[in-house]
Amino acid sequence: MTFGPKFSLFEGHDEQLSASDISSYLSEGRLFLAKRAGEKGSYTEALKLLNCVQTPEASFQAALVYLLVN
């Protein structure tokens, strides 16, 4: 006996994500949150989040934050 809806509300969400996909989504989320923190003036929080993300975009955003602080 199975429980749940007969038809899925969102198609394609019954598959498992790979570890690299999860890591990519987490990095993208941290980058988004860091940008929002920087816009609000929370530079320390923005830099903390940006240091967790290893992408060229994160490095660029961190440089912008450092320019604003100095």
Protein backbone atom coordinates (compact mmCIF):
# COMPACT_ATOMS: atom_id res chain seq x y z
CA MET A 1 0.00 0.00 0.00
CA THR A 2 1.41 3.40 -0.96
CA PHE A 3 0.42 6.77 0.36
CA GLY A 4 0.69 10.10 -1.37
CA PRO A 5 -0.77 11.90 -4.33
CA LYS A 6 -1.67 10.04 -7.47
CA PHE A 7 -0.01 12.70 -9.62
CA SER A 8 3.14 14.58 -8.77
CA LEU A 9 2.88 18.35 -8.39
CA PHE A 10 6.47 18.81 -9.57
CA GLU A 11 7.81 16.59 -12.30
CA GLY A 12 11.36 15.24 -12.08
CA HIS A 13 11.85 15.70 -8.35
CA ASP A 14 11.77 12.02 -7.49
CA GLU A 15 15.36 11.53 -8.65
CA GLN A 16 18.35 11.73 -6.33
CA LEU A 17 20.83 14.59 -6.65
CA SER A 18 24.51 13.82 -6.99
CA ALA A 19 27.01 15.12 -4.46
CA SER A 20 28.43 17.57 -7.00
CA ASP A 21 24.95 18.95 -7.73
CA ILE A 22 24.29 19.44 -4.02
CA SER A 23 27.65 21.17 -3.58
CA SER A 24 26.93 23.43 -6.55
CA TYR A 25 23.51 24.40 -5.20
CA LEU A 26 24.95 25.13 -1.76
CA SER A 27 27.65 27.34 -3.25
CA GLU A 28 25.10 29.19 -5.33
CA GLY A 29 22.94 29.75 -2.26
CA ARG A 30 25.86 31.00 -0.18
CA LEU A 31 26.85 33.40 -2.95
CA PHE A 32 23.30 34.74 -3.09
CA LEU A 33 23.16 35.21 0.70
CA ALA A 34 26.58 36.87 0.71
CA LYS A 35 25.48 39.38 -1.93
CA ARG A 36 22.36 40.21 0.10
CA ALA A 37 24.40 40.61 3.29
CA GLY A 38 26.77 42.98 1.48
CA GLU A 39 23.87 45.03 0.17
CA LYS A 40 22.56 45.38 3.74
CA GLY A 41 25.98 46.50 5.00
CA SER A 42 26.79 43.27 6.86
CA TYR A 43 30.28 43.05 5.41
CA THR A 44 31.66 40.62 7.98
CA GLU A 45 28.83 38.17 7.31
CA ALA A 46 29.26 38.61 3.55
CA LEU A 47 32.97 37.84 3.73
CA LYS A 48 32.37 34.81 5.95
CA LEU A 49 29.97 33.37 3.37
CA LEU A 50 32.16 34.29 0.40
CA ASN A 51 35.15 32.52 1.95
CA CYS A 52 33.15 29.27 1.84
CA VAL A 53 32.56 29.54 -1.90
CA GLN A 54 35.43 28.65 -4.24
CA THR A 55 34.36 30.34 -7.48
CA PRO A 56 35.71 33.31 -9.44
CA GLU A 57 32.44 35.17 -8.80
CA ALA A 58 32.86 34.75 -5.04
CA SER A 59 36.43 36.06 -5.21
CA PHE A 60 35.26 39.06 -7.20
CA GLN A 61 32.47 39.80 -4.74
CA ALA A 62 34.90 39.49 -1.81
CA ALA A 63 37.22 41.99 -3.50
CA LEU A 64 34.32 44.42 -3.86
CA VAL A 65 33.51 44.05 -0.17
CA TYR A 66 37.14 44.70 0.77
CA LEU A 67 37.10 47.85 -1.38
CA LEU A 68 33.99 49.09 0.42
CA VAL A 69 35.49 48.41 3.85
CA ASN A 70 38.77 50.23 3.18
